[in-house]
Amino acid sequence: MKSVIIASLVASAAAFAPAQVGRASTSVALDISGQIGAQAPLGAFDPLGIMKDADQEKFDTWREIEIVHGRVAMLAVSGYLTTYAGVRFPGADDVPAGFAAVNWLMTTDEGHLILPQMWTTFLIATMINRDASEVTGVKPAFPGDYRNGKLDFGWDKLDDKTKARKRSIELNNGRAAQMGILALMTHEAMGNVGAILPLAN
């Protein structure tokens, strides 16, 4: 669990980097100060120096990692808050809220039946939600673009300014969600999550 949290934080921090003036080499250091995500008040933010002398390929790799972590974190926060509010699927009324559900999965007969289904769903979702350009021949328009020439939902009809705004919104929501799920994990471990989530449980 700690490695997941650290990876999420590193991915968030690595998405920004100040413009670097590097030595001459075969690849030119990328100025990402104008990239989506480098915005006020921090601008290009890379306290760990991960993007130092980065080229476009390295930046795109880390940006894709950040986007995927953000998407997972948004689902995690939504799921946490939904179950904490008492919402359950039929027949799952005895499943506890929060991270106690993980222990329930590991220690109950019902949980042991659900785990293989969860892993199968996860594997299928992972196979579908990825760059399949080698198979489809359709290159992604940007890091994290997993439409693969199949899904659109009107994206191609949007102008460039609207696309940039929507990508920025997703990036910021993902960053907030990564910090949000970390905060929920921390407060649940401290035993005071009820103080920040005064919802009926």
Protein backbone atom coordinates (compact mmCIF):
# COMPACT_ATOMS: atom_id res chain seq x y z
CA MET A 1 0.00 0.00 0.00
CA LYS A 2 2.84 2.38 0.81
CA SER A 3 4.40 1.81 -2.61
CA VAL A 4 1.08 2.69 -4.28
CA ILE A 5 0.87 5.93 -2.31
CA ILE A 6 4.48 6.85 -3.09
CA ALA A 7 4.00 6.04 -6.78
CA SER A 8 0.91 8.27 -6.87
CA LEU A 9 2.76 11.16 -5.27
CA VAL A 10 5.77 10.79 -7.55
CA ALA A 11 3.55 10.64 -10.61
CA SER A 12 1.77 13.82 -9.52
CA ALA A 13 4.98 15.71 -8.82
CA ALA A 14 6.66 14.50 -11.98
CA ALA A 15 4.07 15.94 -14.32
CA PHE A 16 5.59 19.41 -14.02
CA ALA A 17 9.12 20.49 -14.55
CA PRO A 18 10.78 23.85 -15.01
CA ALA A 19 12.38 24.60 -18.31
CA GLN A 20 15.91 23.27 -18.25
CA VAL A 21 18.92 24.50 -20.13
CA GLY A 22 20.89 21.33 -20.64
CA ARG A 23 24.02 20.25 -22.43
CA ALA A 24 23.83 19.65 -26.15
CA SER A 25 22.81 16.09 -26.89
CA THR A 26 20.97 14.04 -29.45
CA SER A 27 17.66 14.79 -27.69
CA VAL A 28 16.64 18.34 -26.83
CA ALA A 29 15.48 18.99 -23.26
CA LEU A 30 11.75 19.65 -23.25
CA ASP A 31 10.33 22.98 -22.07
CA ILE A 32 7.08 21.94 -20.41
CA SER A 33 6.23 25.27 -18.84
CA GLY A 34 3.51 25.68 -21.47
CA GLN A 35 2.16 22.13 -21.24
CA ILE A 36 -1.26 21.28 -19.86
CA GLY A 37 -0.92 20.97 -16.11
CA ALA A 38 1.75 23.64 -15.67
CA GLN A 39 -0.61 26.29 -14.36
CA ALA A 40 -1.04 28.85 -11.62
CA PRO A 41 -0.15 29.10 -8.85
CA LEU A 42 2.77 26.64 -9.08
CA GLY A 43 3.47 26.66 -12.80
CA ALA A 44 6.00 24.02 -13.81
CA PHE A 45 6.41 22.12 -10.53
CA ASP A 46 8.99 19.33 -10.20
CA PRO A 47 10.52 19.38 -6.70
CA LEU A 48 12.19 15.98 -7.19
CA GLY A 49 13.81 16.94 -10.49
CA ILE A 50 12.36 13.92 -12.29
CA MET A 51 11.82 15.90 -15.48
CA LYS A 52 15.30 17.38 -15.52
CA ASP A 53 16.62 17.17 -19.10
CA ALA A 54 13.52 15.16 -20.08
CA ASP A 55 12.61 14.69 -23.72
CA GLN A 56 9.08 14.41 -25.12
CA GLU A 57 9.01 10.62 -24.74
CA LYS A 58 9.92 10.72 -21.05
CA PHE A 59 7.43 13.48 -20.36
CA ASP A 60 4.64 11.62 -22.18
CA THR A 61 5.40 8.44 -20.22
CA TRP A 62 5.20 10.21 -16.85
CA ARG A 63 2.14 12.20 -17.92
CA GLU A 64 0.35 8.97 -18.87
CA ILE A 65 1.28 7.48 -15.48
CA GLU A 66 -0.11 10.55 -13.75
CA ILE A 67 -3.36 10.45 -15.73
CA VAL A 68 -3.93 6.74 -15.05
CA HIS A 69 -3.21 7.18 -11.33
CA GLY A 70 -5.59 10.14 -11.30
CA ARG A 71 -8.37 8.14 -12.95
CA VAL A 72 -7.96 5.29 -10.48
CA ALA A 73 -7.91 7.75 -7.57
CA MET A 74 -11.11 9.43 -8.79
CA LEU A 75 -12.83 6.03 -8.82
CA ALA A 76 -11.36 5.23 -5.39
CA VAL A 77 -12.61 8.46 -3.79
CA SER A 78 -16.05 8.05 -5.38
CA GLY A 79 -16.28 4.45 -4.19
CA TYR A 80 -15.08 5.30 -0.69
CA LEU A 81 -17.57 8.14 -0.23
CA THR A 82 -20.43 6.13 -1.73
CA THR A 83 -19.95 3.15 0.58
CA TYR A 84 -19.25 5.40 3.57
CA ALA A 85 -22.64 7.04 2.95
CA GLY A 86 -24.22 3.59 3.30
CA VAL A 87 -24.93 2.78 -0.35
CA ARG A 88 -24.57 -0.95 -1.12
CA PHE A 89 -25.36 -3.37 -3.90
CA PRO A 90 -28.22 -5.74 -3.02
CA GLY A 91 -26.88 -8.55 -0.84
CA ALA A 92 -23.80 -6.60 0.24
CA ASP A 93 -25.32 -4.93 3.28
CA ASP A 94 -22.83 -6.56 5.66
CA VAL A 95 -19.75 -5.34 3.76
CA PRO A 96 -18.08 -2.62 5.87
CA ALA A 97 -17.26 0.81 4.51
CA GLY A 98 -13.79 2.14 3.80
CA PHE A 99 -10.68 0.02 3.86
CA ALA A 100 -12.24 -2.41 6.32
CA ALA A 101 -13.83 -3.88 3.19
CA VAL A 102 -10.38 -5.14 2.13
CA ASN A 103 -10.07 -7.15 5.36
CA TRP A 104 -13.62 -8.44 4.82
CA LEU A 105 -12.66 -9.68 1.34
CA MET A 106 -9.63 -11.51 2.73
CA THR A 107 -11.28 -13.12 5.75
CA THR A 108 -14.81 -14.14 4.73
CA ASP A 109 -16.15 -16.88 2.48
CA GLU A 110 -18.15 -14.33 0.51
CA GLY A 111 -15.03 -12.24 0.06
CA HIS A 112 -13.10 -15.22 -1.27
CA LEU A 113 -15.81 -15.69 -3.90
CA ILE A 114 -15.72 -12.04 -4.90
CA LEU A 115 -11.92 -11.66 -5.14
CA PRO A 116 -11.47 -13.74 -8.34
CA GLN A 117 -14.28 -11.77 -9.97
CA MET A 118 -12.62 -8.51 -8.98
CA TRP A 119 -9.25 -9.60 -10.40
CA THR A 120 -10.85 -10.77 -13.65
CA THR A 121 -12.65 -7.44 -14.02
CA PHE A 122 -9.43 -5.59 -13.24
CA LEU A 123 -7.45 -7.54 -15.85
CA ILE A 124 -10.09 -7.03 -18.54
CA ALA A 125 -10.34 -3.31 -17.76
CA THR A 126 -6.54 -3.03 -17.89
CA MET A 127 -6.41 -4.73 -21.28
CA ILE A 128 -9.14 -2.49 -22.67
CA ASN A 129 -8.02 0.78 -21.08
CA ARG A 130 -4.61 1.13 -22.67
CA ASP A 131 -2.87 2.31 -25.81
CA ALA A 132 -3.62 -0.33 -28.44
CA SER A 133 -2.06 1.55 -31.36
CA GLU A 134 0.11 -1.45 -32.26
CA VAL A 135 -3.07 -3.45 -32.84
CA THR A 136 -5.45 -0.80 -34.18
CA GLY A 137 -2.93 1.35 -36.03
CA VAL A 138 -4.55 4.44 -34.47
CA LYS A 139 -2.03 6.57 -32.57
CA PRO A 140 -3.23 8.28 -29.40
CA ALA A 141 -3.70 12.02 -29.75
CA PHE A 142 -2.14 12.63 -26.31
CA PRO A 143 -0.92 10.65 -23.27
CA GLY A 144 -3.86 8.85 -21.69
CA ASP A 145 -5.92 8.82 -24.91
CA TYR A 146 -7.28 5.27 -24.90
CA ARG A 147 -10.06 5.71 -27.46
CA ASN A 148 -8.10 3.51 -29.89
CA GLY A 149 -10.20 4.70 -32.81
CA LYS A 150 -13.36 3.20 -31.29
CA LEU A 151 -14.72 5.43 -28.54
CA ASP A 152 -15.37 9.09 -29.19
CA PHE A 153 -18.32 10.57 -27.27
CA GLY A 154 -18.02 13.72 -29.41
CA TRP A 155 -14.37 14.42 -28.57
CA ASP A 156 -13.31 14.89 -32.20
CA LYS A 157 -16.01 17.54 -32.69
CA LEU A 158 -14.55 19.79 -29.99
CA ASP A 159 -12.21 22.67 -30.83
CA ASP A 160 -8.61 22.62 -29.59
CA LYS A 161 -9.27 25.16 -26.82
CA THR A 162 -12.12 23.09 -25.38
CA LYS A 163 -10.06 19.89 -25.61
CA ALA A 164 -7.19 21.53 -23.72
CA ARG A 165 -9.60 22.79 -21.04
CA LYS A 166 -11.19 19.37 -20.58
CA ARG A 167 -7.79 17.65 -20.38
CA SER A 168 -6.71 20.20 -17.78
CA ILE A 169 -9.89 19.57 -15.77
CA GLU A 170 -9.28 15.81 -15.81
CA LEU A 171 -5.66 16.28 -14.78
CA ASN A 172 -6.57 18.57 -11.87
CA ASN A 173 -9.43 16.34 -10.72
CA GLY A 174 -7.05 13.37 -10.79
CA ARG A 175 -4.46 15.24 -8.75
CA ALA A 176 -7.08 16.28 -6.20
CA ALA A 177 -8.37 12.70 -6.02
CA GLN A 178 -4.87 11.30 -5.41
CA MET A 179 -4.49 13.63 -2.45
CA GLY A 180 -8.08 12.91 -1.41
CA ILE A 181 -7.74 9.13 -1.24
CA LEU A 182 -4.43 9.53 0.59
CA ALA A 183 -6.17 11.79 3.14
CA LEU A 184 -9.02 9.30 3.55
CA MET A 185 -6.55 6.45 4.09
CA THR A 186 -4.62 8.51 6.62
CA HIS A 187 -7.67 9.59 8.61
CA GLU A 188 -9.15 6.10 8.60
CA ALA A 189 -5.86 4.74 9.97
CA MET A 190 -5.92 7.48 12.64
CA GLY A 191 -9.50 6.55 13.52
CA ASN A 192 -11.00 9.99 12.95
CA VAL A 193 -12.41 9.74 9.44
CA GLY A 194 -15.87 10.44 10.90
CA ALA A 195 -14.68 13.90 11.90
CA ILE A 196 -14.09 14.88 8.28
CA LEU A 197 -16.98 12.86 6.81
CA PRO A 198 -20.03 13.51 8.99
CA LEU A 199 -22.23 11.22 6.89
CA ALA A 200 -24.59 8.51 8.07
CA ASN A 201 -22.74 5.21 8.08
